[in-house]
Amino acid sequence: MIACRQVAKALANHRYYELPWYRRIPMFIHIRLCVMCGKYHQQIVDVQRGVHDYLEHEDAGDIETHVHLSDEAKARIAEAMEQK
């Protein structure tokens, strides 16, 4: 069985898909069986999907670059930060 450290390193370095099939299969099984590695894998997939979506919207010009908060919103945020 592959160790969690090896799985995490391969996922973090984006080398999971570069591995030969006989190394990917045990890693895939490990990700499915290990709760922590499964969560980590899902987090990486979510981040990659978010970055991909952001880049698509950036290329299309859909991203608002000049977003401004109202003074009321700034005050609410400052108050919430002081309470914690």
N, C-alpha and C. Protein backbone atom coordinates (compact mmCIF):
# COMPACT_ATOMS: atom_id res chain seq x y z
N MET A 1 0.85 -1.18 0.00
CA MET A 1 0.00 0.00 0.00
C MET A 1 0.89 1.24 0.00
N ILE A 2 0.47 2.25 -0.69
CA ILE A 2 1.20 3.51 -0.78
C ILE A 2 0.93 4.32 0.49
N ALA A 3 1.93 5.00 0.99
CA ALA A 3 1.80 5.81 2.19
C ALA A 3 1.12 7.14 1.87
N CYS A 4 0.47 7.70 2.88
CA CYS A 4 -0.21 8.99 2.72
C CYS A 4 0.77 10.08 2.29
N ARG A 5 1.97 10.04 2.81
CA ARG A 5 2.97 11.05 2.46
C ARG A 5 3.28 11.02 0.96
N GLN A 6 3.37 9.83 0.40
CA GLN A 6 3.65 9.72 -1.04
C GLN A 6 2.48 10.24 -1.86
N VAL A 7 1.27 9.93 -1.43
CA VAL A 7 0.08 10.40 -2.14
C VAL A 7 0.01 11.93 -2.08
N ALA A 8 0.21 12.50 -0.89
CA ALA A 8 0.14 13.96 -0.73
C ALA A 8 1.20 14.65 -1.58
N LYS A 9 2.39 14.09 -1.61
CA LYS A 9 3.47 14.69 -2.40
C LYS A 9 3.14 14.65 -3.88
N ALA A 10 2.63 13.52 -4.36
CA ALA A 10 2.27 13.40 -5.77
C ALA A 10 1.14 14.35 -6.14
N LEU A 11 0.14 14.48 -5.26
CA LEU A 11 -0.98 15.37 -5.53
C LEU A 11 -0.54 16.83 -5.49
N ALA A 12 0.31 17.18 -4.55
CA ALA A 12 0.76 18.57 -4.42
C ALA A 12 1.63 18.98 -5.60
N ASN A 13 2.39 18.07 -6.13
CA ASN A 13 3.28 18.38 -7.24
C ASN A 13 2.62 18.18 -8.60
N HIS A 14 1.35 17.88 -8.61
CA HIS A 14 0.60 17.66 -9.85
C HIS A 14 1.22 16.54 -10.69
N ARG A 15 1.77 15.56 -10.05
CA ARG A 15 2.39 14.46 -10.78
C ARG A 15 1.52 13.22 -10.82
N TYR A 16 0.34 13.32 -10.27
CA TYR A 16 -0.56 12.17 -10.22
C TYR A 16 -0.87 11.64 -11.61
N TYR A 17 -1.16 12.51 -12.53
CA TYR A 17 -1.56 12.09 -13.88
C TYR A 17 -0.36 11.74 -14.76
N GLU A 18 0.83 12.11 -14.32
CA GLU A 18 2.03 11.78 -15.08
C GLU A 18 2.55 10.39 -14.77
N LEU A 19 2.06 9.79 -13.69
CA LEU A 19 2.54 8.47 -13.30
C LEU A 19 2.05 7.41 -14.27
N PRO A 20 2.80 6.32 -14.42
CA PRO A 20 2.31 5.22 -15.25
C PRO A 20 1.10 4.56 -14.60
N TRP A 21 0.31 3.87 -15.37
CA TRP A 21 -0.95 3.31 -14.89
C TRP A 21 -0.75 2.36 -13.70
N TYR A 22 0.35 1.62 -13.69
CA TYR A 22 0.55 0.66 -12.60
C TYR A 22 0.91 1.34 -11.28
N ARG A 23 1.26 2.62 -11.31
CA ARG A 23 1.48 3.39 -10.08
C ARG A 23 0.24 4.21 -9.73
N ARG A 24 -0.55 4.60 -10.76
CA ARG A 24 -1.76 5.38 -10.51
C ARG A 24 -2.85 4.57 -9.85
N ILE A 25 -2.98 3.30 -10.23
CA ILE A 25 -4.05 2.47 -9.69
C ILE A 25 -3.95 2.32 -8.17
N PRO A 26 -2.77 1.96 -7.61
CA PRO A 26 -2.69 1.90 -6.15
C PRO A 26 -2.93 3.25 -5.48
N MET A 27 -2.51 4.33 -6.14
CA MET A 27 -2.74 5.65 -5.57
C MET A 27 -4.23 5.98 -5.59
N PHE A 28 -4.91 5.64 -6.67
CA PHE A 28 -6.35 5.86 -6.76
C PHE A 28 -7.08 5.07 -5.68
N ILE A 29 -6.67 3.83 -5.47
CA ILE A 29 -7.29 2.99 -4.43
C ILE A 29 -7.04 3.61 -3.05
N HIS A 30 -5.83 4.08 -2.83
CA HIS A 30 -5.51 4.70 -1.55
C HIS A 30 -6.38 5.93 -1.31
N ILE A 31 -6.54 6.77 -2.34
CA ILE A 31 -7.36 7.97 -2.20
C ILE A 31 -8.81 7.61 -1.88
N ARG A 32 -9.30 6.53 -2.45
CA ARG A 32 -10.67 6.11 -2.19
C ARG A 32 -10.85 5.53 -0.80
N LEU A 33 -9.82 4.87 -0.28
CA LEU A 33 -9.94 4.20 1.02
C LEU A 33 -9.55 5.10 2.20
N CYS A 34 -8.61 5.98 2.01
CA CYS A 34 -8.11 6.84 3.08
C CYS A 34 -8.94 8.12 3.14
N VAL A 35 -9.58 8.37 4.24
CA VAL A 35 -10.46 9.53 4.38
C VAL A 35 -9.68 10.84 4.22
N MET A 36 -8.54 10.92 4.88
CA MET A 36 -7.77 12.17 4.83
C MET A 36 -7.23 12.45 3.43
N CYS A 37 -6.70 11.45 2.77
CA CYS A 37 -6.18 11.65 1.41
C CYS A 37 -7.32 11.95 0.44
N GLY A 38 -8.48 11.35 0.67
CA GLY A 38 -9.65 11.65 -0.16
C GLY A 38 -10.08 13.10 -0.04
N LYS A 39 -10.08 13.62 1.20
CA LYS A 39 -10.44 15.02 1.42
C LYS A 39 -9.40 15.95 0.79
N TYR A 40 -8.14 15.59 0.96
CA TYR A 40 -7.07 16.40 0.39
C TYR A 40 -7.16 16.43 -1.13
N HIS A 41 -7.43 15.29 -1.72
CA HIS A 41 -7.58 15.21 -3.17
C HIS A 41 -8.75 16.08 -3.63
N GLN A 42 -9.86 16.04 -2.91
CA GLN A 42 -11.02 16.83 -3.28
C GLN A 42 -10.73 18.32 -3.16
N GLN A 43 -9.97 18.72 -2.14
CA GLN A 43 -9.60 20.12 -1.99
C GLN A 43 -8.73 20.59 -3.16
N ILE A 44 -7.81 19.74 -3.57
CA ILE A 44 -6.95 20.10 -4.70
C ILE A 44 -7.78 20.23 -5.97
N VAL A 45 -8.70 19.31 -6.17
CA VAL A 45 -9.57 19.37 -7.36
C VAL A 45 -10.40 20.65 -7.33
N ASP A 46 -10.94 21.01 -6.17
CA ASP A 46 -11.76 22.22 -6.06
C ASP A 46 -10.94 23.47 -6.35
N VAL A 47 -9.72 23.54 -5.83
CA VAL A 47 -8.86 24.71 -6.08
C VAL A 47 -8.51 24.80 -7.56
N GLN A 48 -8.16 23.67 -8.16
CA GLN A 48 -7.82 23.69 -9.58
C GLN A 48 -9.02 24.11 -10.43
N ARG A 49 -10.21 23.64 -10.08
CA ARG A 49 -11.41 24.02 -10.81
C ARG A 49 -11.69 25.51 -10.65
N GLY A 50 -11.50 26.04 -9.43
CA GLY A 50 -11.71 27.46 -9.19
C GLY A 50 -10.75 28.32 -9.98
N VAL A 51 -9.49 27.93 -10.01
CA VAL A 51 -8.49 28.68 -10.78
C VAL A 51 -8.83 28.62 -12.27
N HIS A 52 -9.22 27.46 -12.74
CA HIS A 52 -9.58 27.32 -14.15
C HIS A 52 -10.77 28.21 -14.49
N ASP A 53 -11.80 28.20 -13.65
CA ASP A 53 -12.97 29.05 -13.89
C ASP A 53 -12.60 30.53 -13.85
N TYR A 54 -11.75 30.91 -12.91
CA TYR A 54 -11.32 32.31 -12.81
C TYR A 54 -10.59 32.74 -14.09
N LEU A 55 -9.69 31.89 -14.54
CA LEU A 55 -8.94 32.23 -15.75
C LEU A 55 -9.84 32.33 -16.97
N GLU A 56 -10.86 31.47 -17.05
CA GLU A 56 -11.81 31.56 -18.17
C GLU A 56 -12.56 32.89 -18.13
N HIS A 57 -13.02 33.29 -16.93
CA HIS A 57 -13.76 34.55 -16.81
C HIS A 57 -12.84 35.75 -17.04
N GLU A 58 -11.59 35.62 -16.63
CA GLU A 58 -10.65 36.70 -16.85
C GLU A 58 -10.40 36.91 -18.34
N ASP A 59 -10.26 35.80 -19.08
CA ASP A 59 -10.07 35.91 -20.52
C ASP A 59 -11.29 36.49 -21.22
N ALA A 60 -12.47 36.18 -20.69
CA ALA A 60 -13.70 36.69 -21.30
C ALA A 60 -14.00 38.13 -20.89
N GLY A 61 -13.30 38.63 -19.87
CA GLY A 61 -13.54 40.00 -19.41
C GLY A 61 -14.72 40.12 -18.49
N ASP A 62 -15.13 39.03 -17.87
CA ASP A 62 -16.30 39.04 -16.98
C ASP A 62 -15.99 39.45 -15.55
N ILE A 63 -14.73 39.62 -15.23
CA ILE A 63 -14.34 39.88 -13.85
C ILE A 63 -14.33 41.37 -13.59
N GLU A 64 -14.99 41.77 -12.53
CA GLU A 64 -15.04 43.17 -12.13
C GLU A 64 -13.76 43.49 -11.37
N THR A 65 -12.94 44.34 -11.91
CA THR A 65 -11.65 44.63 -11.28
C THR A 65 -11.73 45.77 -10.27
N HIS A 66 -12.75 46.59 -10.36
CA HIS A 66 -12.86 47.74 -9.46
C HIS A 66 -14.09 47.58 -8.57
N VAL A 67 -13.94 46.75 -7.56
CA VAL A 67 -15.03 46.52 -6.63
C VAL A 67 -14.79 47.39 -5.40
N HIS A 68 -15.81 48.14 -5.01
CA HIS A 68 -15.67 49.04 -3.87
C HIS A 68 -16.75 48.70 -2.85
N LEU A 69 -16.35 48.71 -1.58
CA LEU A 69 -17.30 48.51 -0.50
C LEU A 69 -17.85 49.86 -0.04
N SER A 70 -19.09 49.83 0.39
CA SER A 70 -19.66 51.06 0.97
C SER A 70 -19.04 51.27 2.34
N ASP A 71 -19.19 52.48 2.84
CA ASP A 71 -18.65 52.79 4.17
C ASP A 71 -19.33 51.94 5.24
N GLU A 72 -20.62 51.67 5.06
CA GLU A 72 -21.35 50.83 6.02
C GLU A 72 -20.78 49.41 6.04
N ALA A 73 -20.50 48.88 4.87
CA ALA A 73 -19.95 47.52 4.78
C ALA A 73 -18.57 47.46 5.43
N LYS A 74 -17.76 48.48 5.20
CA LYS A 74 -16.43 48.53 5.82
C LYS A 74 -16.54 48.58 7.34
N ALA A 75 -17.50 49.35 7.84
CA ALA A 75 -17.69 49.46 9.28
C ALA A 75 -18.15 48.13 9.87
N ARG A 76 -19.05 47.43 9.18
CA ARG A 76 -19.53 46.12 9.67
C ARG A 76 -18.38 45.11 9.71
N ILE A 77 -17.53 45.13 8.71
CA ILE A 77 -16.39 44.21 8.67
C ILE A 77 -15.42 44.52 9.80
N ALA A 78 -15.13 45.81 10.01
CA ALA A 78 -14.22 46.21 11.06
C ALA A 78 -14.78 45.82 12.44
N GLU A 79 -16.07 46.02 12.62
CA GLU A 79 -16.71 45.66 13.89
C GLU A 79 -16.67 44.15 14.13
N ALA A 80 -16.91 43.38 13.09
CA ALA A 80 -16.89 41.92 13.22
C ALA A 80 -15.47 41.42 13.53
N MET A 81 -14.47 42.09 12.96
CA MET A 81 -13.09 41.69 13.23
C MET A 81 -12.68 42.02 14.65
N GLU A 82 -13.17 43.12 15.18
CA GLU A 82 -12.84 43.52 16.55
C GLU A 82 -13.48 42.59 17.57
N GLN A 83 -14.66 42.04 17.24
CA GLN A 83 -15.35 41.15 18.16
C GLN A 83 -14.66 39.81 18.30
N LYS A 84 -13.93 39.42 17.31
CA LYS A 84 -13.28 38.10 17.36
C LYS A 84 -11.92 38.19 17.85
